[in-house]
Protein backbone atom coordinates (compact mmCIF):
# COMPACT_ATOMS: atom_id res chain seq x y z
CA MET A 1 190.13 34.77 -13.63
CA THR A 2 193.79 36.00 -13.23
CA ASP A 3 197.02 33.70 -12.95
CA THR A 4 197.34 34.80 -9.07
CA MET A 5 193.30 33.98 -8.52
CA LEU A 6 194.14 30.52 -10.37
CA SER A 7 197.15 30.11 -8.30
CA GLU A 8 195.61 30.69 -5.15
CA SER A 9 192.34 28.60 -5.72
CA LEU A 10 194.08 25.24 -7.13
CA THR A 11 196.40 25.88 -3.67
CA SER A 12 193.48 26.22 -1.70
CA ALA A 13 191.85 23.08 -3.33
CA ARG A 14 194.89 21.02 -2.74
CA ARG A 15 195.00 22.12 0.97
CA ARG A 16 191.25 21.37 1.29
CA LEU A 17 191.84 17.86 -0.06
CA ASP A 18 194.94 17.16 2.07
CA ALA A 19 192.59 18.30 5.23
CA ALA A 20 190.16 16.13 4.16
CA LEU A 21 192.32 13.34 4.15
CA ALA A 22 194.01 13.96 7.17
CA ASN A 23 190.53 14.21 9.13
CA ALA A 24 189.68 10.66 7.80
CA GLY A 25 192.75 9.21 8.71
CA ARG A 26 193.92 8.45 5.31
CA PRO A 27 197.14 8.75 3.71
CA ALA A 28 197.98 11.91 2.18
CA ASP A 29 198.43 10.24 -1.56
CA ALA A 30 195.14 8.33 -1.08
CA ALA A 31 193.14 10.54 -3.22
CA ARG A 32 193.90 12.68 -6.55
CA LEU A 33 192.53 15.87 -7.56
CA LEU A 34 190.81 16.01 -10.81
CA ALA A 35 190.43 19.35 -12.10
CA VAL A 36 187.13 19.61 -14.15
CA SER A 37 187.66 22.11 -16.91
CA LYS A 38 184.19 22.10 -18.93
CA THR A 39 183.76 25.76 -20.66
CA LYS A 40 187.15 26.80 -19.18
CA PRO A 41 189.68 27.90 -22.20
CA ALA A 42 192.69 25.94 -23.05
CA ALA A 43 194.72 28.90 -21.82
CA MET A 44 193.48 28.09 -18.24
CA ILE A 45 194.16 24.42 -18.24
CA ARG A 46 197.66 25.71 -19.47
CA LYS A 47 198.11 27.88 -16.53
CA ALA A 48 196.92 24.97 -14.30
CA TRP A 49 199.26 22.49 -15.96
CA GLY A 50 201.92 25.23 -15.21
CA LEU A 51 201.09 25.04 -11.48
CA GLY A 52 201.28 21.06 -11.30
CA GLN A 53 197.80 20.03 -11.85
CA ARG A 54 198.16 17.14 -14.61
CA GLU A 55 194.69 15.40 -14.39
CA PHE A 56 191.75 17.32 -16.36
CA GLY A 57 187.71 16.35 -16.58
CA GLU A 58 185.89 16.94 -19.78
CA ASN A 59 182.24 16.87 -20.35
CA TYR A 60 181.83 17.73 -24.00
CA VAL A 61 183.61 15.79 -26.61
CA GLN A 62 183.92 18.72 -29.34
CA GLU A 63 185.06 20.97 -26.84
CA ALA A 64 187.35 18.65 -25.50
CA LEU A 65 189.27 17.83 -28.76
CA ASP A 66 189.64 21.24 -29.31
CA LYS A 67 191.61 22.18 -26.34
CA GLN A 68 193.67 18.71 -26.76
CA ALA A 69 194.63 19.98 -30.16
CA GLU A 70 195.59 23.36 -28.48
CA LEU A 71 197.40 21.80 -25.51
CA ALA A 72 199.17 18.94 -27.40
CA ASP A 73 202.64 20.04 -26.48
CA LEU A 74 201.88 19.57 -22.82
CA GLU A 75 203.60 16.68 -21.46
CA GLY A 76 202.13 14.06 -18.82
CA ILE A 77 198.45 15.78 -19.29
CA VAL A 78 195.82 13.04 -18.29
CA TRP A 79 192.41 13.57 -19.97
CA HIS A 80 189.38 11.98 -18.13
CA PHE A 81 185.88 12.19 -20.01
CA ILE A 82 183.27 12.75 -17.36
CA GLY A 83 180.15 13.40 -18.83
CA PRO A 84 177.25 11.25 -20.47
CA LEU A 85 178.54 9.41 -23.63
CA GLN A 86 176.38 8.83 -26.61
CA ALA A 87 176.87 6.12 -28.63
CA ASN A 88 177.91 8.04 -31.76
CA LYS A 89 180.62 10.18 -29.86
CA THR A 90 182.64 6.90 -28.47
CA ARG A 91 185.31 6.98 -31.39
CA ALA A 92 186.72 10.28 -30.60
CA VAL A 93 186.73 9.64 -26.64
CA ALA A 94 188.16 6.00 -27.21
CA GLU A 95 190.97 7.71 -29.60
CA HIS A 96 191.91 11.01 -27.39
CA PHE A 97 191.09 10.29 -23.56
CA ASP A 98 193.01 8.46 -21.10
CA TRP A 99 189.68 7.87 -18.61
CA VAL A 100 186.17 7.46 -19.04
CA HIS A 101 184.09 7.86 -15.87
CA SER A 102 180.56 7.58 -17.26
CA ILE A 103 180.16 4.13 -18.73
CA ASP A 104 176.58 3.16 -18.04
CA ARG A 105 175.70 0.84 -20.99
CA GLU A 106 177.18 -2.29 -22.32
CA LYS A 107 176.58 -0.99 -25.93
CA VAL A 108 178.95 2.14 -25.10
CA ALA A 109 181.47 -0.26 -23.51
CA ARG A 110 181.79 -2.36 -26.48
CA ARG A 111 181.94 0.37 -28.79
CA LEU A 112 184.82 2.19 -26.74
CA ASN A 113 186.80 -1.64 -26.69
CA ASP A 114 186.28 -2.00 -30.39
CA GLN A 115 187.48 1.66 -31.06
CA ARG A 116 190.33 2.16 -28.80
CA PRO A 117 193.63 2.15 -30.61
CA GLU A 118 195.58 -0.83 -29.72
CA ALA A 119 198.86 1.34 -29.53
CA LEU A 120 197.43 3.30 -26.91
CA GLY A 121 197.00 0.61 -24.29
CA PRO A 122 193.60 -0.15 -22.48
CA LEU A 123 191.26 2.73 -21.74
CA GLU A 124 190.99 3.36 -17.75
CA VAL A 125 187.16 3.14 -17.15
CA CYS A 126 184.65 3.69 -14.22
CA LEU A 127 180.94 2.58 -14.45
CA GLN A 128 178.25 5.20 -13.29
CA VAL A 129 176.13 4.22 -10.80
CA ASN A 130 172.75 6.24 -10.27
CA VAL A 131 173.19 5.98 -6.23
CA SER A 132 170.31 8.51 -5.69
CA GLY A 133 167.73 7.05 -7.96
CA GLU A 134 167.40 10.34 -9.81
CA ALA A 135 165.45 9.89 -12.94
CA SER A 136 167.16 12.94 -14.36
CA LYS A 137 170.31 11.41 -13.51
CA SER A 138 172.57 8.97 -15.80
CA GLY A 139 173.86 5.87 -14.33
CA ILE A 140 173.33 2.33 -13.87
CA ALA A 141 170.94 0.96 -10.86
CA LEU A 142 173.01 -0.84 -8.30
CA ASP A 143 171.39 -3.98 -8.75
CA GLU A 144 172.35 -4.01 -12.39
CA LEU A 145 175.94 -3.18 -11.69
CA GLU A 146 177.67 -6.84 -11.45
CA SER A 147 176.50 -7.82 -15.06
CA LEU A 148 177.69 -4.50 -16.37
CA ALA A 149 181.15 -4.87 -14.47
CA ALA A 150 181.24 -8.66 -16.06
CA ALA A 151 180.62 -7.60 -19.36
CA VAL A 152 183.31 -4.72 -19.03
CA LEU A 153 185.81 -6.90 -17.70
CA SER A 154 185.65 -9.18 -20.66
CA LEU A 155 186.75 -6.13 -23.20
CA PRO A 156 190.54 -6.60 -23.66
CA ARG A 157 191.13 -2.84 -24.48
CA LEU A 158 189.11 -1.38 -21.55
CA ARG A 159 190.54 -1.59 -17.99
CA LEU A 160 187.63 -1.40 -15.22
CA ARG A 161 189.11 0.63 -12.51
CA GLY A 162 186.05 1.31 -10.16
CA LEU A 163 182.76 3.46 -9.91
CA MET A 164 181.41 7.14 -10.26
CA ALA A 165 178.63 8.93 -9.02
CA ILE A 166 177.20 12.06 -8.88
CA PRO A 167 174.69 12.14 -5.78
CA ALA A 168 171.63 14.40 -5.47
CA PRO A 169 172.95 17.49 -3.36
CA ALA A 170 172.46 17.38 0.25
CA GLU A 171 172.84 19.52 3.26
CA SER A 172 174.53 17.90 6.18
CA LEU A 173 177.46 16.17 6.03
CA ASP A 174 175.84 12.87 7.40
CA ARG A 175 172.99 13.07 4.50
CA GLN A 176 176.17 13.53 1.67
CA ARG A 177 177.69 10.47 3.19
CA GLU A 178 174.77 8.17 2.68
CA PRO A 179 174.79 7.89 -1.19
CA LEU A 180 178.51 7.85 -1.19
CA ALA A 181 178.60 5.06 1.58
CA ARG A 182 176.48 3.10 -1.20
CA LEU A 183 178.91 3.38 -3.91
CA ARG A 184 181.70 2.58 -1.64
CA GLU A 185 179.98 -0.76 -0.50
CA ALA A 186 179.05 -1.45 -4.24
CA LEU A 187 182.78 -1.30 -5.29
CA GLU A 188 183.68 -3.73 -2.25
CA ALA A 189 181.11 -5.91 -3.26
CA LEU A 190 182.43 -5.79 -6.82
CA ARG A 191 186.11 -6.44 -5.51
CA ARG A 192 185.00 -9.63 -3.62
CA ARG A 193 182.67 -10.85 -6.65
CA PHE A 194 185.86 -9.92 -9.07
CA PRO A 195 189.35 -10.31 -6.87
CA GLU A 196 191.30 -10.54 -10.18
CA ALA A 197 190.06 -6.89 -11.23
CA PRO A 198 192.15 -3.54 -10.43
CA LEU A 199 189.20 -2.18 -8.74
CA ASP A 200 190.88 0.65 -6.88
CA THR A 201 188.74 3.96 -7.90
CA LEU A 202 186.03 5.59 -6.34
CA SER A 203 185.33 8.69 -8.68
CA MET A 204 182.98 11.17 -6.39
CA GLY A 205 183.25 14.03 -4.34
CA MET A 206 182.84 17.43 -5.71
CA SER A 207 182.86 21.10 -4.45
CA ASP A 208 180.20 20.62 -2.47
CA ASP A 209 180.62 17.45 -0.68
CA LEU A 210 184.24 16.78 -1.10
CA GLU A 211 184.74 16.29 3.01
CA ALA A 212 181.92 13.57 3.00
CA ALA A 213 183.49 11.91 -0.07
CA VAL A 214 186.97 11.59 1.30
CA LEU A 215 185.24 10.45 4.65
CA GLU A 216 183.67 7.51 2.37
CA GLY A 217 187.23 6.36 0.09
CA ALA A 218 187.10 8.65 -2.69
CA THR A 219 190.16 8.10 -4.72
CA LEU A 220 189.64 10.75 -7.24
CA VAL A 221 187.81 14.19 -6.33
CA ARG A 222 186.32 16.36 -9.25
CA LEU A 223 186.63 20.21 -8.48
CA GLY A 224 185.70 22.59 -11.03
CA THR A 225 184.05 25.60 -9.45
CA ALA A 226 186.78 25.71 -6.59
CA ILE A 227 189.69 25.64 -9.02
CA PHE A 228 188.20 27.55 -12.28
CA GLY A 229 185.64 29.66 -10.55
CA ALA A 230 181.92 29.52 -11.74
CA ARG A 231 180.82 27.79 -15.00
CA ASP A 232 180.65 29.78 -18.26
CA THR A 233 177.28 28.40 -19.42
CA SER A 234 177.56 31.13 -22.69
CA ARG A 235 180.57 28.60 -24.05
CA ARG A 236 177.92 25.77 -24.70
């Protein structure tokens, strides 16, 4: 992807998010764009940073660590881990990321807490919910959410910010909204149950369902293909 193409696609993604927020009657700053940069080279992330993008999402630990080392000179860059997290990879994530979106087990949460360097401050985290009930998807069931939230809220080096989901694909806007509405309602229930917690984040919406997610209250929209082009599977 050329510099011009990246500039155009990033501008288009920002305009799309702005339009979705306006259509939903929400403030222009109510949702942020998370650029999903998995399989994309560090040079492309550097170019996006130069165009004003600051938050990047990665799925694979070692790939992300290599990019972070190469991009260590970039000020203000924020790294989000958004992929499934194995227990044996928690130390690297705890030490090198600002956010984790994919907590779905207490064991993983406790390891992240214990391995988070105190000097870095609390790790911002979301719980991943399997809102579509897909056997192939990671994420906790809705009826187990409150107990996991309570466990995470007891961990001092984690800051529970909200929920994340990757719903099953759907054709129509209305069908896309249904599982996203369940995630919103789940966050609202957690806010009532834990009013002292900073539960302000809904990480949902991707290139195919951004508009539906914004209508249902998304605060972090994860766009990869719409910004960087098709994923390069040969890099895995």
